[in-house]
PDB file of all heavy atoms in Angstrom:
ATOM      1  N   ARG A   1      86.979 -31.517 108.587  1.00  0.00           N
ATOM      2  CA  ARG A   1      88.250 -31.194 109.178  1.00  0.00           C
ATOM      3  C   ARG A   1      89.316 -32.251 108.813  1.00  0.00           C
ATOM      4  O   ARG A   1      88.962 -33.431 108.788  1.00  0.00           O
ATOM      5  CB  ARG A   1      88.181 -31.108 110.664  1.00  0.00           C
ATOM      6  CG  ARG A   1      87.263 -29.995 111.220  1.00  0.00           C
ATOM      7  CD  ARG A   1      87.220 -30.035 112.756  1.00  0.00           C
ATOM      8  NE  ARG A   1      86.303 -29.038 113.238  1.00  0.00           N
ATOM      9  CZ  ARG A   1      85.965 -28.912 114.492  1.00  0.00           C
ATOM     10  NH1 ARG A   1      86.518 -29.738 115.402  1.00  0.00           N
ATOM     11  NH2 ARG A   1      85.145 -27.975 114.878  1.00  0.00           N
ATOM     12  N   PRO A   2      90.552 -31.835 108.540  1.00  0.00           N
ATOM     13  CA  PRO A   2      91.576 -32.834 108.193  1.00  0.00           C
ATOM     14  C   PRO A   2      91.830 -33.666 109.483  1.00  0.00           C
ATOM     15  O   PRO A   2      91.886 -33.126 110.597  1.00  0.00           O
ATOM     16  CB  PRO A   2      92.818 -32.009 107.810  1.00  0.00           C
ATOM     17  CG  PRO A   2      92.513 -30.637 108.326  1.00  0.00           C
ATOM     18  CD  PRO A   2      91.043 -30.473 108.430  1.00  0.00           C
ATOM     19  N   ARG A   3      91.955 -34.960 109.310  1.00  0.00           N
ATOM     20  CA  ARG A   3      92.179 -35.900 110.390  1.00  0.00           C
ATOM     21  C   ARG A   3      93.579 -36.451 110.382  1.00  0.00           C
ATOM     22  O   ARG A   3      94.058 -36.824 109.336  1.00  0.00           O
ATOM     23  CB  ARG A   3      91.130 -36.967 110.399  1.00  0.00           C
ATOM     24  CG  ARG A   3      89.701 -36.486 110.622  1.00  0.00           C
ATOM     25  CD  ARG A   3      88.659 -37.493 110.221  1.00  0.00           C
ATOM     26  NE  ARG A   3      88.866 -38.789 110.880  1.00  0.00           N
ATOM     27  CZ  ARG A   3      88.012 -39.779 110.778  1.00  0.00           C
ATOM     28  NH1 ARG A   3      86.946 -39.687 109.995  1.00  0.00           N
ATOM     29  NH2 ARG A   3      88.148 -40.898 111.478  1.00  0.00           N
ATOM     30  N   ALA A   4      94.175 -36.470 111.557  1.00  0.00           N
ATOM     31  CA  ALA A   4      95.548 -37.070 111.652  1.00  0.00           C
ATOM     32  C   ALA A   4      95.376 -38.548 111.470  1.00  0.00           C
ATOM     33  O   ALA A   4      94.388 -39.165 111.822  1.00  0.00           O
ATOM     34  CB  ALA A   4      96.146 -36.762 113.066  1.00  0.00           C
ATOM     35  N   PRO A   5      96.414 -39.220 110.888  1.00  0.00           N
ATOM     36  CA  PRO A   5      96.371 -40.645 110.694  1.00  0.00           C
ATOM     37  C   PRO A   5      96.198 -41.357 112.074  1.00  0.00           C
ATOM     38  O   PRO A   5      96.860 -41.035 113.041  1.00  0.00           O
ATOM     39  CB  PRO A   5      97.746 -40.966 110.122  1.00  0.00           C
ATOM     40  CG  PRO A   5      98.246 -39.721 109.492  1.00  0.00           C
ATOM     41  CD  PRO A   5      97.664 -38.553 110.347  1.00  0.00           C
ATOM     42  N   SER A   6      95.240 -42.321 112.059  1.00  0.00           N
ATOM     43  CA  SER A   6      95.053 -43.053 113.308  1.00  0.00           C
ATOM     44  C   SER A   6      96.164 -44.119 113.549  1.00  0.00           C
ATOM     45  O   SER A   6      96.593 -44.767 112.629  1.00  0.00           O
ATOM     46  CB  SER A   6      93.709 -43.756 113.217  1.00  0.00           C
ATOM     47  OG  SER A   6      93.454 -44.611 114.350  1.00  0.00           O
ATOM     48  N   GLN A   7      96.485 -44.257 114.849  1.00  0.00           N
ATOM     49  CA  GLN A   7      97.510 -45.214 115.162  1.00  0.00           C
ATOM     50  C   GLN A   7      96.800 -46.544 115.591  1.00  0.00           C
ATOM     51  O   GLN A   7      97.455 -47.506 115.809  1.00  0.00           O
ATOM     52  CB  GLN A   7      98.329 -44.690 116.438  1.00  0.00           C
ATOM     53  CG  GLN A   7      99.057 -43.383 116.133  1.00  0.00           C
ATOM     54  CD  GLN A   7     100.029 -43.536 114.877  1.00  0.00           C
ATOM     55  OE1 GLN A   7     100.736 -44.519 114.857  1.00  0.00           O
ATOM     56  NE2 GLN A   7     100.001 -42.541 114.137  1.00  0.00           N
ATOM     57  N   ARG A   8      95.476 -46.590 115.683  1.00  0.00           N
ATOM     58  CA  ARG A   8      94.781 -47.794 116.113  1.00  0.00           C
ATOM     59  C   ARG A   8      94.683 -48.727 114.965  1.00  0.00           C
ATOM     60  O   ARG A   8      94.587 -48.385 113.780  1.00  0.00           O
ATOM     61  CB  ARG A   8      93.438 -47.459 116.657  1.00  0.00           C
ATOM     62  CG  ARG A   8      93.503 -46.646 117.997  1.00  0.00           C
ATOM     63  CD  ARG A   8      92.110 -46.448 118.507  1.00  0.00           C
ATOM     64  NE  ARG A   8      91.201 -45.652 117.515  1.00  0.00           N
ATOM     65  CZ  ARG A   8      90.003 -45.337 117.737  1.00  0.00           C
ATOM     66  NH1 ARG A   8      89.377 -45.813 118.883  1.00  0.00           N
ATOM     67  NH2 ARG A   8      89.304 -44.610 116.900  1.00  0.00           N
ATOM     68  N   GLN A   9      94.600 -49.987 115.292  1.00  0.00           N
ATOM     69  CA  GLN A   9      94.369 -51.038 114.271  1.00  0.00           C
ATOM     70  C   GLN A   9      92.903 -50.934 113.765  1.00  0.00           C
ATOM     71  O   GLN A   9      91.996 -50.741 114.622  1.00  0.00           O
ATOM     72  CB  GLN A   9      94.627 -52.459 114.843  1.00  0.00           C
ATOM     73  CG  GLN A   9      96.018 -52.738 115.216  1.00  0.00           C
ATOM     74  CD  GLN A   9      96.908 -52.691 113.946  1.00  0.00           C
ATOM     75  OE1 GLN A   9      96.510 -53.190 112.908  1.00  0.00           O
ATOM     76  NE2 GLN A   9      98.118 -52.215 114.060  1.00  0.00           N
ATOM     77  N   PRO A  10      92.693 -51.007 112.514  1.00  0.00           N
ATOM     78  CA  PRO A  10      91.319 -50.934 112.017  1.00  0.00           C
ATOM     79  C   PRO A  10      90.459 -52.113 112.513  1.00  0.00           C
ATOM     80  O   PRO A  10      90.920 -53.235 112.647  1.00  0.00           O
ATOM     81  CB  PRO A  10      91.455 -51.025 110.452  1.00  0.00           C
ATOM     82  CG  PRO A  10      92.794 -51.604 110.230  1.00  0.00           C
ATOM     83  CD  PRO A  10      93.699 -51.286 111.416  1.00  0.00           C
ATOM     84  N   ARG A  11      89.212 -51.818 112.837  1.00  0.00           N
ATOM     85  CA  ARG A  11      88.268 -52.865 113.275  1.00  0.00           C
ATOM     86  C   ARG A  11      87.884 -53.741 112.088  1.00  0.00           C
ATOM     87  O   ARG A  11      87.717 -53.151 110.990  1.00  0.00           O
ATOM     88  CB  ARG A  11      87.099 -52.259 113.957  1.00  0.00           C
ATOM     89  CG  ARG A  11      87.309 -51.475 115.120  1.00  0.00           C
ATOM     90  CD  ARG A  11      86.007 -50.888 115.718  1.00  0.00           C
ATOM     91  NE  ARG A  11      86.281 -50.123 116.919  1.00  0.00           N
ATOM     92  CZ  ARG A  11      85.317 -49.502 117.592  1.00  0.00           C
ATOM     93  NH1 ARG A  11      84.055 -49.475 117.061  1.00  0.00           N
ATOM     94  NH2 ARG A  11      85.551 -48.780 118.630  1.00  0.00           N
ATOM     95  N   PRO A  12      87.670 -54.994 112.328  1.00  0.00           N
ATOM     96  CA  PRO A  12      87.182 -55.807 111.193  1.00  0.00           C
ATOM     97  C   PRO A  12      85.765 -55.333 110.753  1.00  0.00           C
ATOM     98  O   PRO A  12      84.938 -54.971 111.669  1.00  0.00           O
ATOM     99  CB  PRO A  12      87.146 -57.242 111.704  1.00  0.00           C
ATOM    100  CG  PRO A  12      87.141 -57.061 113.290  1.00  0.00           C
ATOM    101  CD  PRO A  12      87.857 -55.789 113.539  1.00  0.00           C
ATOM    102  N   ALA A  13      85.561 -55.402 109.495  1.00  0.00           N
ATOM    103  CA  ALA A  13      84.222 -54.903 109.037  1.00  0.00           C
ATOM    104  C   ALA A  13      83.132 -55.854 109.481  1.00  0.00           C
ATOM    105  O   ALA A  13      83.306 -57.106 109.453  1.00  0.00           O
ATOM    106  CB  ALA A  13      84.221 -54.839 107.481  1.00  0.00           C
ATOM    107  N   ARG A  14      81.971 -55.275 109.880  1.00  0.00           N
ATOM    108  CA  ARG A  14      80.880 -56.107 110.345  1.00  0.00           C
ATOM    109  C   ARG A  14      79.887 -56.335 109.116  1.00  0.00           C
ATOM    110  O   ARG A  14      79.690 -55.364 108.359  1.00  0.00           O
ATOM    111  CB  ARG A  14      80.089 -55.472 111.448  1.00  0.00           C
ATOM    112  CG  ARG A  14      80.881 -55.344 112.737  1.00  0.00           C
ATOM    113  CD  ARG A  14      80.003 -54.875 113.933  1.00  0.00           C
ATOM    114  NE  ARG A  14      79.418 -53.632 113.660  1.00  0.00           N
ATOM    115  CZ  ARG A  14      78.585 -53.027 114.503  1.00  0.00           C
ATOM    116  NH1 ARG A  14      78.223 -53.627 115.582  1.00  0.00           N
ATOM    117  NH2 ARG A  14      78.119 -51.814 114.244  1.00  0.00           N
ATOM    118  N   ALA A  15      79.415 -57.530 109.017  1.00  0.00           N
ATOM    119  CA  ALA A  15      78.459 -57.802 107.938  1.00  0.00           C
ATOM    120  C   ALA A  15      77.190 -57.017 108.161  1.00  0.00           C
ATOM    121  O   ALA A  15      76.714 -56.946 109.287  1.00  0.00           O
ATOM    122  CB  ALA A  15      78.163 -59.291 107.861  1.00  0.00           C
ATOM    123  N   ALA A  16      76.664 -56.460 107.081  1.00  0.00           N
ATOM    124  CA  ALA A  16      75.463 -55.730 107.181  1.00  0.00           C
ATOM    125  C   ALA A  16      74.243 -56.674 107.486  1.00  0.00           C
ATOM    126  O   ALA A  16      74.175 -57.771 107.000  1.00  0.00           O
ATOM    127  CB  ALA A  16      75.113 -54.982 105.853  1.00  0.00           C
ATOM    128  N   MET A  17      73.348 -56.206 108.396  1.00  0.00           N
ATOM    129  CA  MET A  17      72.177 -57.041 108.689  1.00  0.00           C
ATOM    130  C   MET A  17      71.250 -57.062 107.524  1.00  0.00           C
ATOM    131  O   MET A  17      70.858 -56.051 106.923  1.00  0.00           O
ATOM    132  CB  MET A  17      71.477 -56.425 109.866  1.00  0.00           C
ATOM    133  CG  MET A  17      72.256 -56.586 111.198  1.00  0.00           C
ATOM    134  SD  MET A  17      72.461 -58.301 111.694  1.00  0.00           S
ATOM    135  CE  MET A  17      70.763 -58.720 112.120  1.00  0.00           C
ATOM    136  N   PRO A  18      70.840 -58.240 107.026  1.00  0.00           N
ATOM    137  CA  PRO A  18      69.893 -58.304 105.958  1.00  0.00           C
ATOM    138  C   PRO A  18      68.585 -57.780 106.334  1.00  0.00           C
ATOM    139  O   PRO A  18      68.076 -57.899 107.483  1.00  0.00           O
ATOM    140  CB  PRO A  18      69.780 -59.855 105.608  1.00  0.00           C
ATOM    141  CG  PRO A  18      70.157 -60.526 106.907  1.00  0.00           C
ATOM    142  CD  PRO A  18      71.176 -59.599 107.566  1.00  0.00           C
ATOM    143  N   ARG A  19      67.915 -56.970 105.393  1.00  0.00           N
ATOM    144  CA  ARG A  19      66.670 -56.412 105.661  1.00  0.00           C
ATOM    145  C   ARG A  19      65.564 -57.431 105.292  1.00  0.00           C
ATOM    146  O   ARG A  19      65.719 -58.077 104.297  1.00  0.00           O
ATOM    147  CB  ARG A  19      66.479 -55.113 104.888  1.00  0.00           C
ATOM    148  CG  ARG A  19      67.489 -54.084 105.416  1.00  0.00           C
ATOM    149  CD  ARG A  19      67.220 -52.720 104.990  1.00  0.00           C
ATOM    150  NE  ARG A  19      65.839 -52.223 105.309  1.00  0.00           N
ATOM    151  CZ  ARG A  19      65.580 -51.798 106.503  1.00  0.00           C
ATOM    152  NH1 ARG A  19      66.348 -51.849 107.564  1.00  0.00           N
ATOM    153  NH2 ARG A  19      64.337 -51.244 106.708  1.00  0.00           N
ATOM    154  N   PRO A  20      64.527 -57.543 106.115  1.00  0.00           N
ATOM    155  CA  PRO A  20      63.496 -58.557 105.753  1.00  0.00           C
ATOM    156  C   PRO A  20      62.870 -58.212 104.447  1.00  0.00           C
ATOM    157  O   PRO A  20      62.576 -57.069 104.222  1.00  0.00           O
ATOM    158  CB  PRO A  20      62.573 -58.473 106.960  1.00  0.00           C
ATOM    159  CG  PRO A  20      62.777 -57.099 107.600  1.00  0.00           C
ATOM    160  CD  PRO A  20      64.251 -56.817 107.356  1.00  0.00           C
ATOM    161  N   ALA A  21      62.567 -59.226 103.643  1.00  0.00           N
ATOM    162  CA  ALA A  21      61.947 -59.068 102.382  1.00  0.00           C
ATOM    163  C   ALA A  21      60.508 -58.820 102.576  1.00  0.00           C
ATOM    164  O   ALA A  21      59.842 -59.370 103.481  1.00  0.00           O
ATOM    165  CB  ALA A  21      62.209 -60.281 101.462  1.00  0.00           C
ATOM    166  N   ASP A  22      59.922 -58.025 101.656  1.00  0.00           N
ATOM    167  CA  ASP A  22      58.467 -57.753 101.710  1.00  0.00           C
ATOM    168  C   ASP A  22      57.756 -59.050 101.209  1.00  0.00           C
ATOM    169  O   ASP A  22      58.255 -59.809 100.299  1.00  0.00           O
ATOM    170  CB  ASP A  22      58.120 -56.647 100.698  1.00  0.00           C
ATOM    171  CG  ASP A  22      58.390 -55.339 101.361  1.00  0.00           C
ATOM    172  OD1 ASP A  22      58.299 -55.163 102.604  1.00  0.00           O
ATOM    173  OD2 ASP A  22      58.738 -54.340 100.625  1.00  0.00           O
ATOM    174  N   THR A  23      56.606 -59.331 101.879  1.00  0.00           N
ATOM    175  CA  THR A  23      55.756 -60.357 101.406  1.00  0.00           C
ATOM    176  C   THR A  23      54.342 -59.743 101.419  1.00  0.00           C
ATOM    177  O   THR A  23      54.086 -58.737 102.047  1.00  0.00           O
ATOM    178  CB  THR A  23      55.775 -61.591 102.357  1.00  0.00           C
ATOM    179  OG1 THR A  23      55.255 -61.115 103.611  1.00  0.00           O
ATOM    180  CG2 THR A  23      57.106 -62.147 102.520  1.00  0.00           C
ATOM    181  N   PRO A  24      53.414 -60.356 100.634  1.00  0.00           N
ATOM    182  CA  PRO A  24      52.044 -59.765 100.760  1.00  0.00           C
ATOM    183  C   PRO A  24      51.506 -59.705 102.106  1.00  0.00           C
ATOM    184  O   PRO A  24      50.807 -58.759 102.578  1.00  0.00           O
ATOM    185  CB  PRO A  24      51.223 -60.758  99.935  1.00  0.00           C
ATOM    186  CG  PRO A  24      52.211 -61.272  98.915  1.00  0.00           C
ATOM    187  CD  PRO A  24      53.548 -61.440  99.668  1.00  0.00           C
ATOM    188  N   GLU A  25      51.850 -60.702 103.028  1.00  0.00           N
ATOM    189  CA  GLU A  25      51.361 -60.683 104.397  1.00  0.00           C
ATOM    190  C   GLU A  25      52.001 -59.512 105.197  1.00  0.00           C
ATOM    191  O   GLU A  25      51.302 -58.835 105.941  1.00  0.00           O
ATOM    192  CB  GLU A  25      51.768 -62.023 105.052  1.00  0.00           C
ATOM    193  CG  GLU A  25      51.028 -63.197 104.526  1.00  0.00           C
ATOM    194  CD  GLU A  25      51.572 -63.727 103.129  1.00  0.00           C
ATOM    195  OE1 GLU A  25      52.691 -63.373 102.784  1.00  0.00           O
ATOM    196  OE2 GLU A  25      50.737 -64.341 102.382  1.00  0.00           O
ATOM    197  N   SER A  26      53.358 -59.327 104.990  1.00  0.00           N
ATOM    198  CA  SER A  26      53.955 -58.229 105.679  1.00  0.00           C
ATOM    199  C   SER A  26      53.443 -56.847 105.257  1.00  0.00           C
ATOM    200  O   SER A  26      53.357 -55.930 106.025  1.00  0.00           O
ATOM    201  CB  SER A  26      55.456 -58.309 105.607  1.00  0.00           C
ATOM    202  OG  SER A  26      55.891 -57.997 104.232  1.00  0.00           O
ATOM    203  N   LEU A  27      53.176 -56.732 103.973  1.00  0.00           N
ATOM    204  CA  LEU A  27      52.647 -55.487 103.460  1.00  0.00           C
ATOM    205  C   LEU A  27      51.199 -55.199 103.928  1.00  0.00           C
ATOM    206  O   LEU A  27      50.820 -54.058 104.115  1.00  0.00           O
ATOM    207  CB  LEU A  27      52.657 -55.480 101.951  1.00  0.00           C
ATOM    208  CG  LEU A  27      54.048 -55.362 101.271  1.00  0.00           C
ATOM    209  CD1 LEU A  27      53.941 -55.589  99.753  1.00  0.00           C
ATOM    210  CD2 LEU A  27      54.693 -53.996 101.574  1.00  0.00           C
ATOM    211  N   LEU A  28      50.455 -56.272 104.116  1.00  0.00           N
ATOM    212  CA  LEU A  28      49.116 -56.069 104.615  1.00  0.00           C
ATOM    213  C   LEU A  28      49.049 -55.762 106.141  1.00  0.00           C
ATOM    214  O   LEU A  28      48.075 -55.328 106.604  1.00  0.00           O
ATOM    215  CB  LEU A  28      48.225 -57.300 104.341  1.00  0.00           C
ATOM    216  CG  LEU A  28      47.725 -57.471 102.891  1.00  0.00           C
ATOM    217  CD1 LEU A  28      47.086 -58.859 102.689  1.00  0.00           C
ATOM    218  CD2 LEU A  28      46.720 -56.361 102.569  1.00  0.00           C
ATOM    219  N   ALA A  29      50.097 -56.087 106.830  1.00  0.00           N
ATOM    220  CA  ALA A  29      50.118 -55.757 108.195  1.00  0.00           C
ATOM    221  C   ALA A  29      50.114 -54.163 108.430  1.00  0.00           C
ATOM    222  O   ALA A  29      50.367 -53.466 107.440  1.00  0.00           O
ATOM    223  CB  ALA A  29      51.420 -56.290 108.893  1.00  0.00           C
ATOM    224  N   ALA A  30      49.799 -53.803 109.595  1.00  0.00           N
ATOM    225  CA  ALA A  30      49.692 -52.358 109.855  1.00  0.00           C
ATOM    226  C   ALA A  30      51.032 -51.698 109.616  1.00  0.00           C
ATOM    227  O   ALA A  30      52.108 -52.218 109.908  1.00  0.00           O
ATOM    228  CB  ALA A  30      49.206 -52.084 111.321  1.00  0.00           C
ATOM    229  N   LEU A  31      50.974 -50.513 109.002  1.00  0.00           N
ATOM    230  CA  LEU A  31      52.159 -49.740 108.787  1.00  0.00           C
ATOM    231  C   LEU A  31      52.783 -49.379 110.154  1.00  0.00           C
ATOM    232  O   LEU A  31      52.026 -49.066 111.096  1.00  0.00           O
ATOM    233  CB  LEU A  31      51.856 -48.462 108.019  1.00  0.00           C
ATOM    234  CG  LEU A  31      51.721 -48.513 106.527  1.00  0.00           C
ATOM    235  CD1 LEU A  31      51.236 -47.188 106.026  1.00  0.00           C
ATOM    236  CD2 LEU A  31      53.054 -48.932 105.849  1.00  0.00           C
ATOM    237  N   PRO A  32      54.122 -49.279 110.204  1.00  0.00           N
ATOM    238  CA  PRO A  32      54.726 -48.720 111.453  1.00  0.00           C
ATOM    239  C   PRO A  32      54.222 -47.317 111.576  1.00  0.00           C
ATOM    240  O   PRO A  32      53.881 -46.591 110.619  1.00  0.00           O
ATOM    241  CB  PRO A  32      56.227 -48.755 111.071  1.00  0.00           C
ATOM    242  CG  PRO A  32      56.396 -49.736 110.012  1.00  0.00           C
ATOM    243  CD  PRO A  32      55.156 -49.709 109.190  1.00  0.00           C
ATOM    244  N   SER A  33      54.227 -46.859 112.817  1.00  0.00           N
ATOM    245  CA  SER A  33      53.822 -45.447 113.012  1.00  0.00           C
ATOM    246  C   SER A  33      54.875 -44.485 112.487  1.00  0.00           C
ATOM    247  O   SER A  33      55.996 -44.827 112.359  1.00  0.00           O
ATOM    248  CB  SER A  33      53.538 -45.225 114.599  1.00  0.00           C
ATOM    249  OG  SER A  33      54.900 -45.275 115.276  1.00  0.00           O
ATOM    250  N   ALA A  34      54.425 -43.237 112.409  1.00  0.00           N
ATOM    251  CA  ALA A  34      55.435 -42.227 111.943  1.00  0.00           C
ATOM    252  C   ALA A  34      56.594 -42.165 112.938  1.00  0.00           C
ATOM    253  O   ALA A  34      57.754 -41.890 112.591  1.00  0.00           O
ATOM    254  CB  ALA A  34      54.671 -40.869 111.841  1.00  0.00           C
ATOM    255  N   GLU A  35      56.269 -42.336 114.260  1.00  0.00           N
ATOM    256  CA  GLU A  35      57.320 -42.228 115.160  1.00  0.00           C
ATOM    257  C   GLU A  35      58.265 -43.377 115.103  1.00  0.00           C
ATOM    258  O   GLU A  35      59.547 -43.251 115.259  1.00  0.00           O
ATOM    259  CB  GLU A  35      56.764 -42.203 116.737  1.00  0.00           C
ATOM    260  CG  GLU A  35      55.999 -40.975 117.081  1.00  0.00           C
ATOM    261  CD  GLU A  35      54.606 -40.917 116.404  1.00  0.00           C
ATOM    262  OE1 GLU A  35      54.125 -41.970 115.903  1.00  0.00           O
ATOM    263  OE2 GLU A  35      54.012 -39.792 116.329  1.00  0.00           O
ATOM    264  N   GLN A  36      57.765 -44.589 114.811  1.00  0.00           N
ATOM    265  CA  GLN A  36      58.669 -45.763 114.648  1.00  0.00           C
ATOM    266  C   GLN A  36      59.550 -45.598 113.424  1.00  0.00           C
ATOM    267  O   GLN A  36      60.762 -45.924 113.438  1.00  0.00           O
ATOM    268  CB  GLN A  36      57.833 -47.033 114.537  1.00  0.00           C
ATOM    269  CG  GLN A  36      57.127 -47.500 115.762  1.00  0.00           C
ATOM    270  CD  GLN A  36      56.092 -48.611 115.567  1.00  0.00           C
ATOM    271  OE1 GLN A  36      55.384 -48.610 114.632  1.00  0.00           O
ATOM    272  NE2 GLN A  36      56.076 -49.509 116.448  1.00  0.00           N
ATOM    273  N   ILE A  37      58.942 -45.112 112.315  1.00  0.00           N
ATOM    274  CA  ILE A  37      59.763 -44.920 111.126  1.00  0.00           C
ATOM    275  C   ILE A  37      60.787 -43.820 111.336  1.00  0.00           C
ATOM    276  O   ILE A  37      61.943 -43.910 110.895  1.00  0.00           O
ATOM    277  CB  ILE A  37      58.829 -44.575 109.926  1.00  0.00           C
ATOM    278  CG1 ILE A  37      58.098 -45.870 109.508  1.00  0.00           C
ATOM    279  CG2 ILE A  37      59.567 -43.949 108.751  1.00  0.00           C
ATOM    280  CD1 ILE A  37      57.141 -45.691 108.315  1.00  0.00           C
ATOM    281  N   ALA A  38      60.373 -42.732 112.042  1.00  0.00           N
ATOM    282  CA  ALA A  38      61.359 -41.646 112.314  1.00  0.00           C
ATOM    283  C   ALA A  38      62.540 -42.197 113.126  1.00  0.00           C
ATOM    284  O   ALA A  38      63.712 -41.845 112.861  1.00  0.00           O
ATOM    285  CB  ALA A  38      60.709 -40.510 113.071  1.00  0.00           C
ATOM    286  N   ALA A  39      62.286 -43.082 114.048  1.00  0.00           N
ATOM    287  CA  ALA A  39      63.376 -43.657 114.872  1.00  0.00           C
ATOM    288  C   ALA A  39      64.272 -44.482 114.030  1.00  0.00           C
ATOM    289  O   ALA A  39      65.529 -44.461 114.213  1.00  0.00           O
ATOM    290  CB  ALA A  39      62.763 -44.483 116.050  1.00  0.00           C
ATOM    291  N   GLU A  40      63.666 -45.256 113.129  1.00  0.00           N
ATOM    292  CA  GLU A  40      64.532 -46.073 112.195  1.00  0.00           C
ATOM    293  C   GLU A  40      65.349 -45.157 111.360  1.00  0.00           C
ATOM    294  O   GLU A  40      66.550 -45.395 111.128  1.00  0.00           O
ATOM    295  CB  GLU A  40      63.615 -46.968 111.420  1.00  0.00           C
ATOM    296  CG  GLU A  40      64.377 -47.738 110.306  1.00  0.00           C
ATOM    297  CD  GLU A  40      63.402 -48.376 109.267  1.00  0.00           C
ATOM    298  OE1 GLU A  40      62.218 -48.238 109.343  1.00  0.00           O
ATOM    299  OE2 GLU A  40      63.950 -48.989 108.290  1.00  0.00           O
ATOM    300  N   VAL A  41      64.800 -44.122 110.792  1.00  0.00           N
ATOM    301  CA  VAL A  41      65.540 -43.208 109.907  1.00  0.00           C
ATOM    302  C   VAL A  41      66.637 -42.546 110.667  1.00  0.00           C
ATOM    303  O   VAL A  41      67.733 -42.298 110.071  1.00  0.00           O
ATOM    304  CB  VAL A  41      64.544 -42.140 109.286  1.00  0.00           C
ATOM    305  CG1 VAL A  41      65.296 -41.051 108.625  1.00  0.00           C
ATOM    306  CG2 VAL A  41      63.654 -42.892 108.300  1.00  0.00           C
TER     307      VAL A  41
END
């Protein structure tokens, strides 16, 4: 839908949270459950 121009001041951009890097140890840990992954998605 076409949106009318907003009169509000734009919010400052928030820095994206860094995602944890994979390590052999983290990969060997148990996989998250399907429910946990679905909640993240």
